[in-house]
Amino acid sequence: MINQRTLFEIHRLKNEGMSNRDIARCVGCSRKTVSKYIDSPQLKITRRGRRVKLTPYHDYIRQKIKQYPDLKAPVILRKIQEQGFDGEITIVRRFLRKLRKASSKQAYCRFESDPGQQMQINWGHFGTITYKNTKRKLYGLAVIESYSRMLYVAFTHSQSQDVLHQALFNAFRYFGGTPKEIVVDNMLTAVTERTGSLVRFNDSFLGFLLPFGITPVACNIRAPYEKGKVERSIHYIRHNFLPLKEFSNLSDVQNQVMKWLNNIANIRVHNTTGEVPVKRLEKNRLKTLPDITRDYRETHTLYVHKDFSVRFDYNTYTVPPWAIGKNAILKADRQKVWIYYKTRCIAVHDRSWDKKNRIELEAHKAQIHKLKKRRLADKNVLVFLSLGQTALDYLNKLEKAKSPLKKNIVKILLLKDEYGAGKVVYALDKALELKLYGADYIQNILYQEKAPKINHPPVRLKKNNLNDIRLCSPNLAEYDALILKRRN
């Protein structure tokens, strides 16, 4: 079984024009396997990563080397063995060589890429935005086309995997195409593990890049100069765009940064190239976007609670009441929230960036009232209400307790047939006093305190629909009122 990295390599080599035979020889598998995975590029394969033994002791070793620069590997080994390390000294020596090499000052050359060859990306933190009583951190993903210095910025309140993919896709649309490679730092949404020159990329990130034919390139640890163009762009955004700006919400900051990009950042003469980025960008050298692309909105599977809502990002969003108890699919961008049941969109809301809010549609509340009216119009409910005020009070408590109304009412009416109306009213009254809501409680009270009436089965008629008729108990107070009226 191959892993996600091998799958990515198969498609990269295929895009370069290699035959299936040559690809199989390069990645170490059969031609049949290569053909299979070229035909099924979306096949998901999971694999647990290896655990590096020395990783938990890296900070301790760095601290000791900082205090004693000439400390030898055997001394370090003894110290970490006392803390539970069970590896060999070769691992320690390898880490010390890498650590001392990284600490030495090295000169580096400026690297310039060809048009359409490379884009660099990086996150920056730009303070907070206040929503009523809530503050949210503001992050910005900067994406720069290395040759032209054309810049794109996506502001978000999160650095999650889905948000990264959505921001990158918007950047590709802004540039009008995709590069051959993309340079990233060691963020977890792109790189899950790194040991020296060996890099393990995030499987979800590779799956995102696969349809575009982009090859990821990870910078070395503590080597910001390897992505200096985007690092400088973060500094440029911080000191040219943000000062003297006020933002009401995330959409506002994104709208303002797009105006800044189109009217200032990408039409200025760049200090390094001496040219205007938007004119220097060669769109014909970028790869065109696929005709059909995935949905890159944030996606979550959420349970619909009894208050006909789903919980998302510290807020609740309502859905039609019939969806209670079901699992719904929520998709979101920075402005809207869509909720789907199977393939059907059942609700659309404006996204709230405040916290602990209930975002509710009037149509959903109206459906709740309609459902209540339907329940009250049910024949069994009308028969139950004919038992008097106690039955009405108990019905309201059942509603508030979110108990299955029809099921409980039918069961209580069967108890009425067995014990009689008076005894059932007594049991309802006692259940209200004890705050016990449900037919099982009524049955238990009757079983313990009342004897059932002698049950003479009714005469069965030939027409079954006539056998199911239930009659309401007469209200004798109405007859008394008629008599008094006639006497007067």
Protein backbone atom coordinates (compact mmCIF):
# COMPACT_ATOMS: atom_id res chain seq x y z
CA MET A 1 0.00 0.00 0.00
CA ILE A 2 1.43 3.42 -0.96
CA ASN A 3 1.17 6.58 1.12
CA GLN A 4 0.00 10.08 0.24
CA ARG A 5 3.51 11.32 -0.54
CA THR A 6 4.07 8.50 -3.06
CA LEU A 7 0.67 9.28 -4.62
CA PHE A 8 1.68 12.93 -4.95
CA GLU A 9 5.05 11.95 -6.50
CA ILE A 10 3.32 9.68 -9.05
CA HIS A 11 1.17 12.58 -10.29
CA ARG A 12 4.08 15.03 -10.27
CA LEU A 13 6.19 12.73 -12.45
CA LYS A 14 3.20 12.07 -14.74
CA ASN A 15 2.72 15.84 -15.18
CA GLU A 16 6.38 16.07 -16.25
CA GLY A 17 5.66 13.59 -19.07
CA MET A 18 7.22 10.40 -17.70
CA SER A 19 5.79 7.03 -18.73
CA ASN A 20 4.12 4.68 -16.26
CA ARG A 21 7.08 2.29 -16.53
CA ASP A 22 9.60 5.02 -15.61
CA ILE A 23 7.37 6.29 -12.78
CA ALA A 24 7.08 2.76 -11.36
CA ARG A 25 10.86 2.40 -11.43
CA CYS A 26 11.34 5.76 -9.64
CA VAL A 27 8.82 5.25 -6.82
CA GLY A 28 9.38 1.49 -6.41
CA CYS A 29 6.02 -0.01 -7.30
CA SER A 30 4.40 -1.84 -10.23
CA ARG A 31 3.07 -0.24 -13.44
CA LYS A 32 -0.38 -1.55 -12.54
CA THR A 33 -0.25 0.36 -9.25
CA VAL A 34 0.86 3.54 -11.04
CA SER A 35 -2.05 3.25 -13.52
CA LYS A 36 -4.49 2.61 -10.68
CA TYR A 37 -3.55 5.73 -8.74
CA ILE A 38 -3.37 7.96 -11.80
CA ASP A 39 -6.99 6.96 -12.57
CA SER A 40 -8.04 7.48 -8.90
CA PRO A 41 -6.19 10.60 -7.66
CA GLN A 42 -8.65 11.24 -4.82
CA LEU A 43 -8.02 7.91 -3.09
CA LYS A 44 -7.35 8.71 0.57
CA ILE A 45 -4.66 6.82 2.43
CA THR A 46 -3.78 7.38 6.05
CA ARG A 47 -0.62 6.47 7.81
CA ARG A 48 0.61 7.23 11.28
CA GLY A 49 3.86 9.15 11.39
CA ARG A 50 7.02 7.91 13.10
CA ARG A 51 7.97 9.21 16.51
CA VAL A 52 11.46 10.69 16.80
CA LYS A 53 13.01 9.59 20.08
CA LEU A 54 15.10 12.71 20.67
CA THR A 55 12.33 15.25 19.92
CA PRO A 56 11.13 15.64 23.57
CA TYR A 57 14.68 16.55 24.63
CA HIS A 58 15.47 19.16 21.93
CA ASP A 59 14.70 22.17 24.13
CA TYR A 60 16.77 20.79 27.01
CA ILE A 61 19.78 20.16 24.72
CA ARG A 62 19.53 23.64 23.16
CA GLN A 63 19.49 25.19 26.64
CA LYS A 64 22.61 23.27 27.73
CA ILE A 65 24.49 24.04 24.49
CA LYS A 66 23.66 27.71 24.93
CA GLN A 67 25.18 27.60 28.45
CA TYR A 68 28.14 25.35 27.50
CA PRO A 69 28.87 25.66 23.74
CA ASP A 70 31.62 22.98 23.80
CA LEU A 71 29.55 20.34 25.61
CA LYS A 72 30.18 16.84 24.17
CA ALA A 73 27.64 14.23 23.09
CA PRO A 74 28.48 11.62 25.84
CA VAL A 75 27.74 14.18 28.58
CA ILE A 76 24.44 15.13 26.95
CA LEU A 77 23.56 11.44 26.55
CA ARG A 78 24.05 10.73 30.26
CA LYS A 79 21.87 13.69 31.24
CA ILE A 80 18.95 12.78 29.00
CA GLN A 81 19.20 9.07 29.91
CA GLU A 82 18.43 10.14 33.47
CA GLN A 83 15.23 11.67 32.09
CA GLY A 84 14.19 8.47 30.30
CA PHE A 85 15.91 8.64 26.88
CA ASP A 86 16.64 5.13 25.53
CA GLY A 87 18.23 5.90 22.14
CA GLU A 88 21.80 5.68 20.85
CA ILE A 89 24.53 8.33 20.99
CA THR A 90 24.53 8.64 17.19
CA ILE A 91 21.16 10.41 17.34
CA VAL A 92 22.55 12.90 19.86
CA ARG A 93 25.68 13.54 17.78
CA ARG A 94 23.61 14.09 14.65
CA PHE A 95 21.41 16.63 16.42
CA LEU A 96 24.43 18.46 17.90
CA ARG A 97 26.04 18.75 14.46
CA LYS A 98 22.83 20.20 13.02
CA LEU A 99 22.42 22.54 16.01
CA ARG A 100 25.97 23.90 15.83
CA LYS A 101 25.86 24.24 12.07
CA ALA A 102 22.62 26.25 12.29
CA SER A 103 24.10 28.57 14.93
CA SER A 104 27.11 29.50 12.76
CA LYS A 105 26.74 32.57 10.57
CA GLN A 106 26.46 31.81 6.88
CA ALA A 107 26.31 34.04 3.83
CA TYR A 108 23.58 33.43 1.31
CA CYS A 109 22.83 34.53 -2.23
CA ARG A 110 19.65 36.16 -3.43
CA PHE A 111 17.56 33.71 -5.45
CA GLU A 112 15.44 34.81 -8.39
CA SER A 113 12.95 32.43 -10.01
CA ASP A 114 11.55 32.36 -13.53
CA PRO A 115 8.06 33.70 -14.33
CA GLY A 116 5.33 31.33 -13.14
CA GLN A 117 7.89 29.13 -11.36
CA GLN A 118 7.27 29.91 -7.70
CA MET A 119 4.97 31.47 -5.13
CA GLN A 120 5.83 32.01 -1.47
CA ILE A 121 3.28 32.03 1.37
CA ASN A 122 3.39 32.92 5.05
CA TRP A 123 1.05 33.81 7.92
CA GLY A 124 1.28 37.05 9.88
CA HIS A 125 -0.47 38.16 13.08
CA PHE A 126 -2.00 41.65 12.87
CA GLY A 127 -3.63 42.31 16.25
CA THR A 128 -7.36 41.85 16.94
CA ILE A 129 -10.83 42.98 15.81
CA THR A 130 -13.48 43.76 18.43
CA TYR A 131 -17.07 42.46 18.03
CA LYS A 132 -19.21 43.90 20.84
CA ASN A 133 -17.77 42.14 23.91
CA THR A 134 -15.55 39.74 21.96
CA LYS A 135 -12.06 40.14 20.55
CA ARG A 136 -10.83 37.92 17.74
CA LYS A 137 -7.22 37.56 16.60
CA LEU A 138 -6.58 38.81 13.08
CA TYR A 139 -4.31 36.71 10.85
CA GLY A 140 -3.21 37.47 7.31
CA LEU A 141 -1.96 34.98 4.72
CA ALA A 142 0.42 36.73 2.32
CA VAL A 143 0.95 35.09 -1.10
CA ILE A 144 3.55 36.55 -3.47
CA GLU A 145 4.48 35.55 -7.03
CA SER A 146 8.26 35.49 -6.76
CA TYR A 147 9.22 36.81 -10.21
CA SER A 148 6.80 39.75 -10.46
CA ARG A 149 6.41 40.47 -6.70
CA MET A 150 2.62 40.53 -7.28
CA LEU A 151 1.00 40.28 -3.83
CA TYR A 152 -2.27 38.87 -2.47
CA VAL A 153 -3.46 38.99 1.16
CA ALA A 154 -6.29 37.01 2.78
CA PHE A 155 -7.32 38.08 6.30
CA THR A 156 -8.89 35.47 8.60
CA HIS A 157 -9.60 34.73 12.26
CA SER A 158 -8.11 31.24 12.01
CA GLN A 159 -5.12 29.37 10.59
CA SER A 160 -6.90 26.02 10.26
CA GLN A 161 -6.44 23.63 7.35
CA ASP A 162 -9.71 24.54 5.58
CA VAL A 163 -9.05 28.27 5.98
CA LEU A 164 -5.55 27.88 4.47
CA HIS A 165 -6.93 26.01 1.44
CA GLN A 166 -9.71 28.55 0.91
CA ALA A 167 -7.27 31.49 1.10
CA LEU A 168 -4.81 29.85 -1.32
CA PHE A 169 -7.55 29.09 -3.83
CA ASN A 170 -8.71 32.71 -3.70
CA ALA A 171 -5.08 33.76 -4.29
CA PHE A 172 -4.82 31.53 -7.38
CA ARG A 173 -7.98 33.08 -8.77
CA TYR A 174 -6.58 36.57 -8.07
CA PHE A 175 -3.35 35.80 -9.95
CA GLY A 176 -5.21 34.04 -12.75
CA GLY A 177 -3.31 30.76 -12.47
CA THR A 178 -1.02 28.56 -10.39
CA PRO A 179 2.79 28.22 -10.13
CA LYS A 180 4.93 25.11 -10.53
CA GLU A 181 5.98 25.17 -6.87
CA ILE A 182 4.96 26.83 -3.64
CA VAL A 183 7.39 27.68 -0.82
CA VAL A 184 6.12 27.25 2.76
CA ASP A 185 7.62 27.37 6.22
CA ASN A 186 7.21 24.58 8.76
CA MET A 187 3.59 25.32 9.79
CA LEU A 188 1.65 22.20 10.79
CA THR A 189 -0.97 22.71 8.08
CA ALA A 190 1.80 22.20 5.49
CA VAL A 191 4.62 20.21 7.19
CA THR A 192 3.85 17.60 9.84
CA GLU A 193 7.39 16.37 10.51
CA ARG A 194 10.94 17.31 9.63
CA THR A 195 14.25 15.61 10.40
CA GLY A 196 17.19 17.32 8.73
CA SER A 197 16.55 17.38 5.00
CA LEU A 198 13.74 14.81 5.23
CA VAL A 199 10.31 16.47 5.12
CA ARG A 200 6.91 14.89 5.74
CA PHE A 201 4.22 17.12 4.22
CA ASN A 202 0.68 17.33 5.57
CA ASP A 203 -1.53 14.84 3.71
CA SER A 204 -4.44 17.29 3.45
CA PHE A 205 -2.11 19.95 2.04
CA LEU A 206 -0.79 17.51 -0.59
CA GLY A 207 -4.38 16.57 -1.46
CA PHE A 208 -5.18 20.26 -1.98
CA LEU A 209 -2.17 20.84 -4.26
CA LEU A 210 -2.65 17.65 -6.30
CA PRO A 211 -5.36 18.90 -8.76
CA PHE A 212 -3.24 22.01 -9.52
CA GLY A 213 0.00 20.08 -10.15
CA ILE A 214 1.94 22.22 -7.63
CA THR A 215 5.07 20.92 -5.90
CA PRO A 216 5.55 22.08 -2.26
CA VAL A 217 8.97 23.24 -1.06
CA ALA A 218 9.64 23.55 2.68
CA CYS A 219 12.16 26.05 4.02
CA ASN A 220 14.84 24.92 6.43
CA ILE A 221 14.22 25.57 10.11
CA ARG A 222 15.32 29.06 11.23
CA ALA A 223 16.09 30.08 7.64
CA PRO A 224 13.69 32.97 6.90
CA TYR A 225 15.91 34.21 4.05
CA GLU A 226 14.75 31.19 1.99
CA LYS A 227 11.33 32.87 1.71
CA GLY A 228 12.57 36.43 2.05
CA LYS A 229 10.16 37.86 -0.52
CA VAL A 230 7.06 36.96 1.48
CA GLU A 231 8.75 37.81 4.80
CA ARG A 232 9.38 41.30 3.46
CA SER A 233 5.77 41.45 2.26
CA ILE A 234 4.50 40.80 5.81
CA HIS A 235 6.65 43.73 7.00
CA TYR A 236 5.25 45.86 4.13
CA ILE A 237 1.63 45.04 5.05
CA ARG A 238 2.28 45.79 8.72
CA HIS A 239 3.83 49.22 8.09
CA ASN A 240 2.08 50.41 4.92
CA PHE A 241 -1.46 49.02 5.03
CA LEU A 242 -2.38 48.76 8.72
CA PRO A 243 -1.41 52.19 10.16
CA LEU A 244 -4.33 54.61 10.72
CA LYS A 245 -6.86 51.97 9.62
CA GLU A 246 -10.06 51.02 11.50
CA PHE A 247 -12.01 47.84 10.82
CA SER A 248 -15.57 46.94 11.79
CA ASN A 249 -15.41 43.25 10.84
CA LEU A 250 -13.51 40.69 8.77
CA SER A 251 -15.29 41.57 5.51
CA ASP A 252 -14.39 45.23 6.04
CA VAL A 253 -10.67 44.53 6.48
CA GLN A 254 -10.66 42.24 3.41
CA ASN A 255 -12.40 44.87 1.28
CA GLN A 256 -9.91 47.52 2.39
CA VAL A 257 -6.87 45.33 1.74
CA MET A 258 -8.14 44.48 -1.77
CA LYS A 259 -8.40 48.21 -2.56
CA TRP A 260 -4.89 48.70 -1.17
CA LEU A 261 -3.53 45.84 -3.29
CA ASN A 262 -5.17 47.08 -6.50
CA ASN A 263 -4.49 50.80 -6.00
CA ILE A 264 -1.15 50.88 -4.15
CA ALA A 265 0.80 47.67 -3.51
CA ASN A 266 0.63 46.07 -6.97
CA ILE A 267 0.88 49.24 -9.06
CA ARG A 268 3.90 50.82 -7.32
CA VAL A 269 7.41 50.53 -8.72
CA HIS A 270 9.03 47.73 -6.70
CA ASN A 271 12.36 48.68 -5.08
CA THR A 272 14.09 45.43 -6.07
CA THR A 273 12.85 44.82 -9.61
CA GLY A 274 12.36 48.46 -10.59
CA GLU A 275 9.10 47.47 -12.29
CA VAL A 276 5.38 47.53 -11.52
CA PRO A 277 4.30 44.09 -10.18
CA VAL A 278 0.98 43.96 -12.06
CA LYS A 279 2.78 44.70 -15.36
CA ARG A 280 5.67 42.33 -14.60
CA LEU A 281 3.31 39.39 -13.90
CA GLU A 282 3.27 37.04 -16.91
CA LYS A 283 -0.08 35.27 -16.61
CA ASN A 284 0.61 33.14 -19.68
CA ARG A 285 3.47 31.48 -17.77
CA LEU A 286 1.13 30.42 -14.96
CA LYS A 287 -0.78 27.15 -15.23
CA THR A 288 -4.50 27.65 -15.82
CA LEU A 289 -6.95 26.68 -13.09
CA PRO A 290 -8.92 23.44 -13.59
CA ASP A 291 -12.39 23.85 -15.10
CA ILE A 292 -13.95 21.99 -12.17
CA THR A 293 -12.57 22.53 -8.68
CA ARG A 294 -13.47 21.30 -5.23
CA ASP A 295 -15.52 23.26 -2.71
CA TYR A 296 -12.88 24.93 -0.51
CA ARG A 297 -15.22 26.38 2.11
CA GLU A 298 -14.83 25.36 5.75
CA THR A 299 -16.76 22.11 6.17
CA HIS A 300 -18.07 20.50 9.35
CA THR A 301 -20.53 17.69 10.15
CA LEU A 302 -22.71 18.89 13.05
CA TYR A 303 -25.59 17.49 15.12
CA VAL A 304 -28.93 19.37 15.12
CA HIS A 305 -29.95 19.90 18.75
CA LYS A 306 -33.44 20.11 20.29
CA ASP A 307 -33.46 23.90 19.98
CA PHE A 308 -33.32 23.31 16.17
CA SER A 309 -29.79 24.69 15.86
CA VAL A 310 -26.17 23.62 15.26
CA ARG A 311 -23.12 24.79 17.24
CA PHE A 312 -20.34 26.38 15.15
CA ASP A 313 -17.48 28.72 16.03
CA TYR A 314 -18.86 29.70 19.49
CA ASN A 315 -22.33 30.51 18.04
CA THR A 316 -25.56 28.65 17.24
CA TYR A 317 -27.29 28.74 13.83
CA THR A 318 -30.90 27.59 13.40
CA VAL A 319 -32.27 25.08 10.88
CA PRO A 320 -35.83 23.92 10.10
CA PRO A 321 -37.29 22.03 13.11
CA TRP A 322 -37.80 18.82 11.14
CA ALA A 323 -33.99 18.39 11.10
CA ILE A 324 -33.78 17.92 14.89
CA GLY A 325 -31.75 14.82 15.74
CA LYS A 326 -30.10 14.61 12.32
CA ASN A 327 -26.51 15.29 11.23
CA ALA A 328 -26.14 18.34 8.98
CA ILE A 329 -23.21 19.55 6.86
CA LEU A 330 -22.15 23.14 7.56
CA LYS A 331 -20.05 25.09 5.05
CA ALA A 332 -18.74 28.58 5.75
CA ASP A 333 -16.62 31.38 4.35
CA ARG A 334 -15.85 34.76 5.92
CA GLN A 335 -19.33 36.15 5.09
CA LYS A 336 -21.91 33.35 4.94
CA VAL A 337 -22.84 30.05 6.59
CA TRP A 338 -24.66 27.37 4.56
CA ILE A 339 -26.24 24.32 6.20
CA TYR A 340 -27.07 21.21 4.16
CA TYR A 341 -28.95 18.00 4.86
CA LYS A 342 -27.65 15.39 2.43
CA THR A 343 -27.52 17.34 -0.87
CA ARG A 344 -30.19 19.91 0.02
CA CYS A 345 -29.42 23.40 1.39
CA ILE A 346 -31.80 23.91 4.33
CA ALA A 347 -30.51 27.22 5.77
CA VAL A 348 -28.30 30.20 4.87
CA HIS A 349 -27.10 32.70 7.50
CA ASP A 350 -24.83 35.73 7.68
CA ARG A 351 -21.75 34.62 9.60
CA SER A 352 -21.34 36.10 13.08
CA TRP A 353 -17.82 36.72 14.40
CA ASP A 354 -19.13 37.55 17.86
CA LYS A 355 -19.39 34.75 20.43
CA LYS A 356 -22.32 33.08 22.25
CA ASN A 357 -24.92 34.45 19.80
CA ARG A 358 -27.97 32.67 18.42
CA ILE A 359 -28.44 33.43 14.72
CA GLU A 360 -32.09 32.64 14.02
CA LEU A 361 -34.40 32.94 11.03
CA GLU A 362 -38.03 33.99 11.59
CA ALA A 363 -39.16 31.24 9.19
CA HIS A 364 -37.71 28.59 11.51
CA LYS A 365 -39.56 30.05 14.53
CA ALA A 366 -42.79 30.15 12.52
CA GLN A 367 -42.40 26.45 11.69
CA ILE A 368 -42.19 25.68 15.42
CA HIS A 369 -45.55 27.40 16.00
CA LYS A 370 -47.08 25.48 13.10
CA LEU A 371 -45.87 22.21 14.54
CA LYS A 372 -47.41 23.08 17.91
CA LYS A 373 -50.76 23.85 16.24
CA ARG A 374 -50.67 20.53 14.40
CA ARG A 375 -50.00 18.70 17.62
CA LEU A 376 -52.91 20.41 19.36
CA ALA A 377 -55.17 19.57 16.42
CA ASP A 378 -54.40 15.86 16.78
CA LYS A 379 -57.51 13.84 17.82
CA ASN A 380 -55.70 12.03 20.64
CA VAL A 381 -54.51 15.35 22.05
CA LEU A 382 -58.09 16.70 21.98
CA VAL A 383 -59.30 13.62 23.86
CA PHE A 384 -56.51 14.06 26.42
CA LEU A 385 -57.41 17.75 26.91
CA SER A 386 -61.02 16.77 27.63
CA LEU A 387 -59.72 15.51 31.00
CA GLY A 388 -59.62 19.14 32.16
CA GLN A 389 -57.16 21.82 33.32
CA THR A 390 -54.80 19.26 34.87
CA ALA A 391 -54.35 17.61 31.48
CA LEU A 392 -53.64 21.00 29.85
CA ASP A 393 -51.02 21.85 32.49
CA TYR A 394 -49.39 18.47 32.03
CA LEU A 395 -49.38 18.86 28.23
CA ASN A 396 -47.52 22.18 28.54
CA LYS A 397 -44.90 20.57 30.80
CA LEU A 398 -44.43 17.74 28.32
CA GLU A 399 -43.82 20.33 25.60
CA LYS A 400 -41.18 22.15 27.66
CA ALA A 401 -39.48 18.87 28.60
CA LYS A 402 -39.07 18.07 24.86
CA SER A 403 -40.65 14.64 25.43
CA PRO A 404 -42.22 12.72 22.49
CA LEU A 405 -45.68 14.26 22.76
CA LYS A 406 -47.84 11.91 20.68
CA LYS A 407 -46.23 8.78 22.09
CA ASN A 408 -46.84 9.89 25.69
CA ILE A 409 -50.42 11.01 25.02
CA VAL A 410 -51.38 7.68 23.40
CA LYS A 411 -49.90 5.75 26.31
CA ILE A 412 -51.74 7.90 28.90
CA LEU A 413 -55.04 7.39 27.03
CA LEU A 414 -54.50 3.61 27.18
CA LEU A 415 -54.04 4.01 30.95
CA LYS A 416 -57.31 5.97 31.03
CA ASP A 417 -59.07 3.01 29.40
CA GLU A 418 -57.55 0.67 31.99
CA TYR A 419 -57.89 2.73 35.20
CA GLY A 420 -60.58 5.30 34.40
CA ALA A 421 -60.48 9.06 33.84
CA GLY A 422 -60.63 10.05 37.54
CA LYS A 423 -57.62 7.96 38.54
CA VAL A 424 -55.57 9.22 35.57
CA VAL A 425 -56.37 12.85 36.52
CA TYR A 426 -55.22 12.06 40.08
CA ALA A 427 -51.94 10.62 38.71
CA LEU A 428 -51.41 13.66 36.45
CA ASP A 429 -51.93 16.00 39.38
CA LYS A 430 -49.42 14.11 41.52
CA ALA A 431 -46.90 13.95 38.67
CA LEU A 432 -47.13 17.74 38.28
CA GLU A 433 -46.48 18.14 41.98
CA LEU A 434 -43.40 15.89 41.81
CA LYS A 435 -42.24 17.38 38.45
CA LEU A 436 -42.35 14.01 36.69
CA TYR A 437 -43.17 14.36 32.99
CA GLY A 438 -43.84 11.28 30.90
CA ALA A 439 -46.32 8.42 30.50
CA ASP A 440 -44.04 6.01 32.36
CA TYR A 441 -44.30 8.13 35.52
CA ILE A 442 -48.10 8.20 35.25
CA GLN A 443 -48.15 4.41 34.82
CA ASN A 444 -45.93 3.94 37.89
CA ILE A 445 -48.15 6.17 40.09
CA LEU A 446 -51.28 4.32 39.00
CA TYR A 447 -49.66 0.93 39.53
CA GLN A 448 -48.61 1.80 43.07
CA GLU A 449 -51.72 3.64 44.29
CA LYS A 450 -54.75 2.73 42.18
CA ALA A 451 -56.40 -0.49 41.16
CA PRO A 452 -57.46 -0.82 37.55
CA LYS A 453 -61.16 -0.75 36.80
CA ILE A 454 -62.88 -3.90 35.63
CA ASN A 455 -62.25 -3.89 31.95
CA HIS A 456 -65.14 -5.02 29.75
CA PRO A 457 -63.92 -5.05 26.18
CA PRO A 458 -66.13 -2.99 23.88
CA VAL A 459 -68.17 -4.53 21.13
CA ARG A 460 -66.08 -4.80 17.97
CA LEU A 461 -67.76 -3.40 14.85
CA LYS A 462 -67.17 -4.70 11.35
CA LYS A 463 -65.71 -1.39 10.17
CA ASN A 464 -62.31 -1.02 11.84
CA ASN A 465 -62.23 2.76 11.47
CA LEU A 466 -65.32 2.96 13.74
CA ASN A 467 -63.53 0.92 16.42
CA ASP A 468 -60.80 3.61 16.68
CA ILE A 469 -63.21 6.46 17.55
CA ARG A 470 -62.52 8.11 20.92
CA LEU A 471 -65.02 10.41 22.61
CA CYS A 472 -64.16 13.33 24.83
CA SER A 473 -65.31 13.22 28.45
CA PRO A 474 -68.35 15.54 28.85
CA ASN A 475 -67.91 18.72 30.87
CA LEU A 476 -70.86 18.65 33.37
CA ALA A 477 -70.27 22.28 34.29
CA GLU A 478 -71.62 23.25 30.86
CA TYR A 479 -74.92 21.43 31.60
CA ASP A 480 -75.20 23.19 34.99
CA ALA A 481 -74.73 26.53 33.23
CA LEU A 482 -77.58 25.70 30.79
CA ILE A 483 -79.95 24.75 33.62
CA LEU A 484 -79.21 27.95 35.55
CA LYS A 485 -79.73 29.97 32.40
CA ARG A 486 -83.18 28.42 31.81
CA ARG A 487 -84.22 28.98 35.46
CA ASN A 488 -83.32 32.65 35.22
